[in-house]
Structures are given as C-alpha cells and as structure tokens.
Amino acid sequence: MLSDLIAHGHQMQALTPARGPVDFHVMATGAGFERRANEVYSWEGLKRGDAPFVVIQHTIAGRGELDFDGTRHALLPGSTMVLSFPHAHRYWLERAQSWEYFWIGANGREALRLARAIIDLKGPVITPAPSAVDRMAAACLKLIAHPDPLSGETSVQVYAALMALHDGLFGAAAPVGPVLAPQLARTLSFVDAHLGEPLGIDRLARVAGLSRAHFVRRFSEEVGQSPSDYVFTQRMARATRLLVATDQPVTTIAEATGFAGGNYFAKAFRRAHGQSPSEYRDRGGR
C-alpha cells in the first residue's frame, strides 16, 4: 500500500542479489522512496551505460519534468513514468521545485519487453488506477525494507509491479474493434492527455515516431479520420461533456479543450450541434 510506503519513510537501496544457477528474465536493480527539493537532479537516458534496464517512477507530490523524443511531459502527482535505457530522454527537477516519488529499477528480457510495450501503447507518462499504484508501492516497500533479499524475491516484486501497471492501464477488458499499431495507440493516448495544448500534425507525428506524410496516411487509414479531424472530434466531445457536467464558464471550457478562444468555440459548437454552448447547457445536453 502507498500509505505503508510513506509511513516507512524515505530510503533507497541498490539491489544486486547473488545469482543462482538459473537466470531470471526479470531482476531488480534498485528501488527507493525519495524526496528531492532545491537541488540539481537530472538524468539523461543516453548517459547511464550501455546495459539495458527499466525504471518505473511514480510521483507522489511535487513535480518533475521529462523530455522524451523531443516532447516535454510534466510529472505530476498520480502520474507514473516508465522508461527503458539506453534511450534519448532526460528527466529532471526544475530549480526551486520539489519532487517526491518512489521508483523501481529492473533489467532482464521480460522487464524490457513489458516496459517497452507499455511505452509503445500508452507513452512514457501514464496515470494508472489507484489500486495499481498501491500494488507498485507495496512491491517497492518489500524491495527496500529487506537488506539482503534473495534473487527470487526481488524478481517476484519487480514482476508484481509490472503486472500492477499492466492491470491499472488495461484491466481485464478485451479490446473493442481493431487493434491499432502501437505508434497510433500511443498517439491517441497522447491526444487524450493533452487536448488543451496545441496538437499540430508535426507534434503528433513526433509522438508516433513517424514522418509527417507516413503518419497522416497511416492515421487516416487505421483510425478512419485525419489527425486534425480526430483532434477536433475529441475536443468537441470533451467540451460537450464539460458543459453538462460542470459549471465552468464557456471560455474556460474552450481553453481547457484546446479551442482558439471562446468565439471560435461557440461558432464550431453551433455548427456541430445547431445551438450555442449556453443553449445546450440550459437544455441539459439536449
């Protein structure tokens, strides 16, 4: 449980349990519960050696920053960063900021496969369900609370954390409709998490890791809409929900969903729904 880890207090532990005659495909390299504040804290993914490994890092309080393939992400409370190394990324603490988090490091073929699959499908920053966070925190606590764990024990805990992350993201539900390529699934998740920000074609192509022309063609073929039409549809759908479910001013909703001003939003809304946002709200979404 996360509350148990917090009660335990800040601690880091490097893990190098003695290997037996059998190699595991998931092994822990370290774990910790830390708080950083007003200090130089910066890690670059291409400057941590050539041996592949994985880091899962969950933010409890404060804020960290991540640059992943040229896209910047805010690491806020409730978000989990999943990274594989070596890779072109950097995460750091801004000056005068604080950041409290727990983390688990791992290596091994299966750890890398699972982490990279999650990154491909959901991106490097995700928001798992609270139950998954509790399971990851419990695994972290077991890794740092025992000074001399056996190799099998550390493998179990890392695998438990990865499976908790999987369950918190995908659950037991079967996929509905065709399964998208990982690059496009990652892009859809990114759009959903950044609707209030500029989402031009070039930015989305970078998230997908594809050239602009290749991205537009594949997106249109697999999603059934152009990237621009998809972003507009998602913005309008969220704005429509916010009009009915909240008392936020129309201009606030327009800004939160990425529309270029309240006037543009009102005109776009009228074209889509045949009435103004205020009329739609007054009629209870009818």
Protein backbone atom coordinates (compact mmCIF):
# COMPACT_ATOMS: atom_id res chain seq x y z
CA MET A 1 0.00 0.00 0.00
CA LEU A 2 1.13 3.53 -0.75
CA SER A 3 0.31 4.63 2.81
CA ASP A 4 2.60 1.92 4.20
CA LEU A 5 5.46 3.04 1.97
CA ILE A 6 5.02 6.66 3.06
CA ALA A 7 4.91 5.58 6.71
CA HIS A 8 8.14 3.63 6.19
CA GLY A 9 9.92 6.81 5.13
CA HIS A 10 12.47 7.77 2.53
CA GLN A 11 15.01 5.10 1.66
CA MET A 12 16.97 3.92 -1.37
CA GLN A 13 18.51 0.53 -1.95
CA ALA A 14 20.69 -0.84 -4.72
CA LEU A 15 19.89 -4.48 -5.32
CA THR A 16 22.48 -6.98 -6.51
CA PRO A 17 21.31 -10.31 -5.10
CA ALA A 18 23.57 -13.28 -5.70
CA ARG A 19 22.64 -15.17 -8.83
CA GLY A 20 21.88 -18.85 -8.68
CA PRO A 21 22.22 -21.47 -11.41
CA VAL A 22 19.04 -20.22 -13.14
CA ASP A 23 18.79 -16.80 -14.83
CA PHE A 24 15.59 -14.82 -14.43
CA HIS A 25 14.05 -12.67 -17.16
CA VAL A 26 13.05 -10.03 -14.58
CA MET A 27 15.55 -8.82 -11.98
CA ALA A 28 15.59 -5.81 -9.66
CA THR A 29 18.48 -3.37 -9.83
CA GLY A 30 17.25 -0.99 -7.15
CA ALA A 31 14.28 0.69 -5.52
CA GLY A 32 13.60 3.79 -3.50
CA PHE A 33 11.24 6.31 -1.98
CA GLU A 34 12.78 9.79 -2.28
CA ARG A 35 12.10 13.49 -1.96
CA ARG A 36 14.18 15.99 -3.93
CA ALA A 37 14.00 19.75 -3.36
CA ASN A 38 16.03 22.78 -4.45
CA GLU A 39 18.88 20.72 -5.86
CA VAL A 40 20.46 19.68 -9.12
CA TYR A 41 18.72 16.49 -10.20
CA SER A 42 18.97 15.43 -13.83
CA TRP A 43 19.27 12.06 -15.57
CA GLU A 44 19.95 11.53 -19.27
CA GLY A 45 18.91 8.28 -20.88
CA LEU A 46 21.98 8.00 -23.09
CA LYS A 47 24.46 8.60 -20.28
CA ARG A 48 23.71 5.71 -17.96
CA GLY A 49 25.75 2.98 -19.59
CA ASP A 50 25.09 0.56 -22.42
CA ALA A 51 23.41 -2.23 -20.42
CA PRO A 52 19.61 -2.17 -20.99
CA PHE A 53 17.38 -1.61 -17.96
CA VAL A 54 13.99 -0.19 -16.96
CA VAL A 55 12.79 2.42 -14.45
CA ILE A 56 9.25 2.81 -13.13
CA GLN A 57 8.89 6.07 -11.17
CA HIS A 58 5.62 7.24 -9.60
CA THR A 59 5.11 10.84 -8.48
CA ILE A 60 3.51 11.27 -5.06
CA ALA A 61 3.94 15.03 -4.61
CA GLY A 62 5.61 17.98 -6.32
CA ARG A 63 6.60 17.97 -9.96
CA GLY A 64 9.30 16.59 -12.22
CA GLU A 65 9.98 17.18 -15.90
CA LEU A 66 10.60 14.70 -18.71
CA ASP A 67 11.76 15.27 -22.27
CA PHE A 68 11.06 12.15 -24.30
CA ASP A 69 11.95 12.19 -28.00
CA GLY A 70 11.58 15.97 -28.06
CA THR A 71 8.18 16.05 -26.30
CA ARG A 72 8.04 17.53 -22.81
CA HIS A 73 5.89 15.96 -20.11
CA ALA A 74 5.01 17.22 -16.62
CA LEU A 75 5.41 14.51 -13.97
CA LEU A 76 2.59 15.40 -11.57
CA PRO A 77 1.10 13.60 -8.55
CA GLY A 78 -0.61 10.42 -9.67
CA SER A 79 1.47 10.02 -12.82
CA THR A 80 3.89 7.18 -13.44
CA MET A 81 6.94 7.46 -15.68
CA VAL A 82 8.06 4.30 -17.47
CA LEU A 83 11.44 4.40 -19.21
CA SER A 84 13.82 1.97 -20.82
CA PHE A 85 17.53 2.63 -21.17
CA PRO A 86 19.53 3.50 -23.15
CA HIS A 87 17.19 5.97 -24.88
CA ALA A 88 17.15 9.64 -25.90
CA HIS A 89 15.31 11.16 -22.95
CA ARG A 90 16.04 13.32 -19.91
CA TYR A 91 14.15 13.80 -16.65
CA TRP A 92 14.95 16.46 -14.09
CA LEU A 93 13.84 18.74 -11.27
CA GLU A 94 13.39 22.43 -12.03
CA ARG A 95 15.04 24.99 -9.79
CA ALA A 96 13.03 25.87 -6.64
CA GLN A 97 10.76 22.85 -7.18
CA SER A 98 10.32 19.69 -5.11
CA TRP A 99 9.56 16.16 -6.23
CA GLU A 100 8.58 13.15 -4.11
CA TYR A 101 8.32 9.77 -5.76
CA PHE A 102 9.00 6.06 -5.47
CA TRP A 103 10.82 4.05 -8.10
CA ILE A 104 11.83 0.55 -9.08
CA GLY A 105 14.70 -0.32 -11.40
CA ALA A 106 14.92 -3.61 -13.25
CA ASN A 107 16.69 -5.48 -16.01
CA GLY A 108 16.10 -8.71 -17.86
CA ARG A 109 14.44 -9.65 -21.12
CA GLU A 110 10.86 -9.74 -19.83
CA ALA A 111 11.16 -6.49 -17.88
CA LEU A 112 12.36 -4.72 -21.01
CA ARG A 113 9.67 -6.29 -23.19
CA LEU A 114 6.84 -5.29 -20.85
CA ALA A 115 8.11 -1.76 -20.28
CA ARG A 116 8.64 -1.11 -23.98
CA ALA A 117 5.18 -2.48 -24.80
CA ILE A 118 3.60 -0.10 -22.28
CA ILE A 119 5.58 2.84 -23.70
CA ASP A 120 4.59 1.91 -27.26
CA LEU A 121 0.90 1.67 -26.39
CA LYS A 122 0.48 4.42 -23.79
CA GLY A 123 3.59 6.60 -23.89
CA PRO A 124 6.21 7.19 -21.19
CA VAL A 125 3.88 9.00 -18.75
CA ILE A 126 0.67 7.34 -17.65
CA THR A 127 -1.92 7.59 -14.88
CA PRO A 128 -2.67 4.09 -13.58
CA ALA A 129 -5.60 3.27 -11.34
CA PRO A 130 -5.06 3.87 -7.58
CA SER A 131 -5.24 0.13 -6.92
CA ALA A 132 -2.31 -0.37 -9.29
CA VAL A 133 -0.33 2.37 -7.53
CA ASP A 134 -0.91 0.60 -4.22
CA ARG A 135 0.41 -2.66 -5.67
CA MET A 136 3.50 -0.96 -7.10
CA ALA A 137 4.13 0.81 -3.79
CA ALA A 138 3.83 -2.49 -1.91
CA ALA A 139 6.42 -4.05 -4.23
CA CYS A 140 8.75 -1.08 -3.72
CA LEU A 141 8.40 -1.33 0.07
CA LYS A 142 9.26 -5.03 0.05
CA LEU A 143 12.36 -4.30 -2.05
CA ILE A 144 13.70 -1.54 0.21
CA ALA A 145 12.67 -2.95 3.60
CA HIS A 146 14.79 -6.11 3.43
CA PRO A 147 18.56 -5.62 3.42
CA ASP A 148 19.54 -8.97 1.87
CA PRO A 149 16.73 -10.24 -0.35
CA LEU A 150 17.11 -13.41 -2.36
CA SER A 151 17.20 -13.12 -6.14
CA GLY A 152 13.87 -14.90 -6.48
CA GLU A 153 12.25 -12.48 -4.03
CA THR A 154 13.41 -9.42 -5.95
CA SER A 155 12.26 -10.94 -9.24
CA VAL A 156 8.79 -11.56 -7.83
CA GLN A 157 8.42 -7.97 -6.62
CA VAL A 158 9.54 -6.37 -9.89
CA TYR A 159 7.22 -8.62 -11.86
CA ALA A 160 4.39 -7.76 -9.45
CA ALA A 161 4.98 -4.04 -10.07
CA LEU A 162 4.96 -4.50 -13.85
CA MET A 163 1.79 -6.58 -13.70
CA ALA A 164 0.14 -3.99 -11.46
CA LEU A 165 0.98 -1.35 -14.03
CA HIS A 166 -0.45 -3.54 -16.79
CA ASP A 167 -3.69 -4.15 -14.88
CA GLY A 168 -4.03 -0.48 -13.97
CA LEU A 169 -3.80 0.50 -17.62
CA PHE A 170 -5.57 -2.28 -19.47
CA GLY A 171 -7.58 -4.19 -16.87
CA ALA A 172 -9.41 -7.32 -17.90
CA ALA A 173 -11.42 -5.78 -20.72
CA ALA A 174 -10.96 -7.26 -24.18
CA PRO A 175 -10.04 -4.83 -26.94
CA VAL A 176 -13.01 -3.35 -28.76
CA GLY A 177 -12.68 -3.09 -32.52
CA PRO A 178 -9.44 -3.38 -34.47
CA VAL A 179 -6.19 -3.16 -32.55
CA LEU A 180 -4.17 -0.12 -33.62
CA ALA A 181 -0.46 -0.17 -34.30
CA PRO A 182 1.46 0.79 -31.13
CA GLN A 183 2.58 4.14 -32.64
CA LEU A 184 -1.02 5.15 -33.30
CA ALA A 185 -2.35 3.82 -29.98
CA ARG A 186 0.32 5.91 -28.25
CA THR A 187 -0.74 8.95 -30.27
CA LEU A 188 -4.41 8.57 -29.29
CA SER A 189 -3.42 8.36 -25.63
CA PHE A 190 -1.27 11.47 -26.05
CA VAL A 191 -4.15 13.38 -27.65
CA ASP A 192 -6.46 12.42 -24.79
CA ALA A 193 -3.92 13.61 -22.20
CA HIS A 194 -3.05 16.89 -23.97
CA LEU A 195 -6.32 18.14 -25.50
CA GLY A 196 -5.82 21.62 -24.05
CA GLU A 197 -2.47 22.04 -25.80
CA PRO A 198 -1.50 22.67 -29.44
CA LEU A 199 -1.75 19.35 -31.28
CA GLY A 200 -0.45 20.02 -34.75
CA ILE A 201 0.42 17.28 -37.23
CA ASP A 202 4.17 17.69 -36.69
CA ARG A 203 3.86 17.22 -32.94
CA LEU A 204 1.67 14.14 -33.26
CA ALA A 205 3.99 12.65 -35.86
CA ARG A 206 6.89 13.06 -33.41
CA VAL A 207 4.88 11.29 -30.70
CA ALA A 208 4.22 8.43 -33.12
CA GLY A 209 7.85 8.37 -34.24
CA LEU A 210 6.84 8.60 -37.91
CA SER A 211 7.45 11.06 -40.71
CA ARG A 212 4.68 13.60 -41.26
CA ALA A 213 3.46 12.07 -44.53
CA HIS A 214 3.66 8.47 -43.26
CA PHE A 215 1.89 9.42 -40.04
CA VAL A 216 -1.02 11.18 -41.78
CA ARG A 217 -1.53 8.28 -44.18
CA ARG A 218 -1.41 5.56 -41.53
CA PHE A 219 -3.52 7.50 -39.04
CA SER A 220 -6.24 8.17 -41.61
CA GLU A 221 -6.27 4.56 -42.76
CA GLU A 222 -6.35 2.94 -39.29
CA VAL A 223 -8.37 5.47 -37.28
CA GLY A 224 -10.80 6.41 -40.06
CA GLN A 225 -10.28 10.16 -39.70
CA SER A 226 -7.48 12.55 -40.48
CA PRO A 227 -5.41 13.54 -37.42
CA SER A 228 -6.88 17.07 -37.47
CA ASP A 229 -10.46 15.80 -37.68
CA TYR A 230 -9.81 13.32 -34.87
CA VAL A 231 -8.39 16.01 -32.57
CA PHE A 232 -11.35 18.29 -33.32
CA THR A 233 -13.82 15.48 -32.62
CA GLN A 234 -12.19 14.65 -29.28
CA ARG A 235 -12.07 18.31 -28.25
CA MET A 236 -15.73 18.80 -29.08
CA ALA A 237 -16.73 15.61 -27.27
CA ARG A 238 -14.92 16.65 -24.10
CA ALA A 239 -16.22 20.22 -24.25
CA THR A 240 -19.76 18.88 -24.64
CA ARG A 241 -19.36 16.69 -21.55
CA LEU A 242 -17.94 19.60 -19.53
CA LEU A 243 -20.85 21.87 -20.46
CA VAL A 244 -23.33 19.44 -18.93
CA ALA A 245 -21.26 18.07 -16.04
CA THR A 246 -19.72 21.32 -14.71
CA ASP A 247 -20.50 24.98 -14.09
CA GLN A 248 -17.28 26.19 -15.68
CA PRO A 249 -17.61 29.29 -17.90
CA VAL A 250 -17.77 28.57 -21.62
CA THR A 251 -14.48 30.42 -22.19
CA THR A 252 -12.77 28.22 -19.57
CA ILE A 253 -14.08 25.07 -21.22
CA ALA A 254 -12.92 26.32 -24.61
CA GLU A 255 -9.42 26.93 -23.26
CA ALA A 256 -9.27 23.60 -21.41
CA THR A 257 -10.17 21.67 -24.56
CA GLY A 258 -7.78 23.46 -26.91
CA PHE A 259 -10.11 25.72 -28.86
CA ALA A 260 -8.64 29.03 -30.03
CA GLY A 261 -10.84 31.30 -27.97
CA GLY A 262 -14.45 31.37 -26.84
CA ASN A 263 -15.78 32.88 -30.07
CA TYR A 264 -14.25 30.18 -32.25
CA PHE A 265 -15.52 27.51 -29.89
CA ALA A 266 -19.06 28.97 -29.95
CA LYS A 267 -19.11 29.01 -33.77
CA ALA A 268 -17.72 25.48 -34.01
CA PHE A 269 -20.19 24.25 -31.41
CA ARG A 270 -23.15 25.78 -33.25
CA ARG A 271 -22.05 24.11 -36.50
CA ALA A 272 -21.80 20.75 -34.72
CA HIS A 273 -24.93 20.94 -32.55
CA GLY A 274 -27.18 23.57 -34.10
CA GLN A 275 -27.23 25.67 -30.94
CA SER A 276 -24.87 27.73 -28.81
CA PRO A 277 -22.93 26.20 -25.90
CA SER A 278 -25.08 28.14 -23.42
CA GLU A 279 -28.30 26.92 -25.01
CA TYR A 280 -27.01 23.35 -24.98
CA ARG A 281 -26.16 23.66 -21.28
CA ASP A 282 -29.53 25.23 -20.41
CA ARG A 283 -31.32 22.36 -22.11
CA GLY A 284 -29.36 19.78 -20.17
CA GLY A 285 -27.45 18.45 -23.16
CA ARG A 286 -30.43 18.05 -25.49
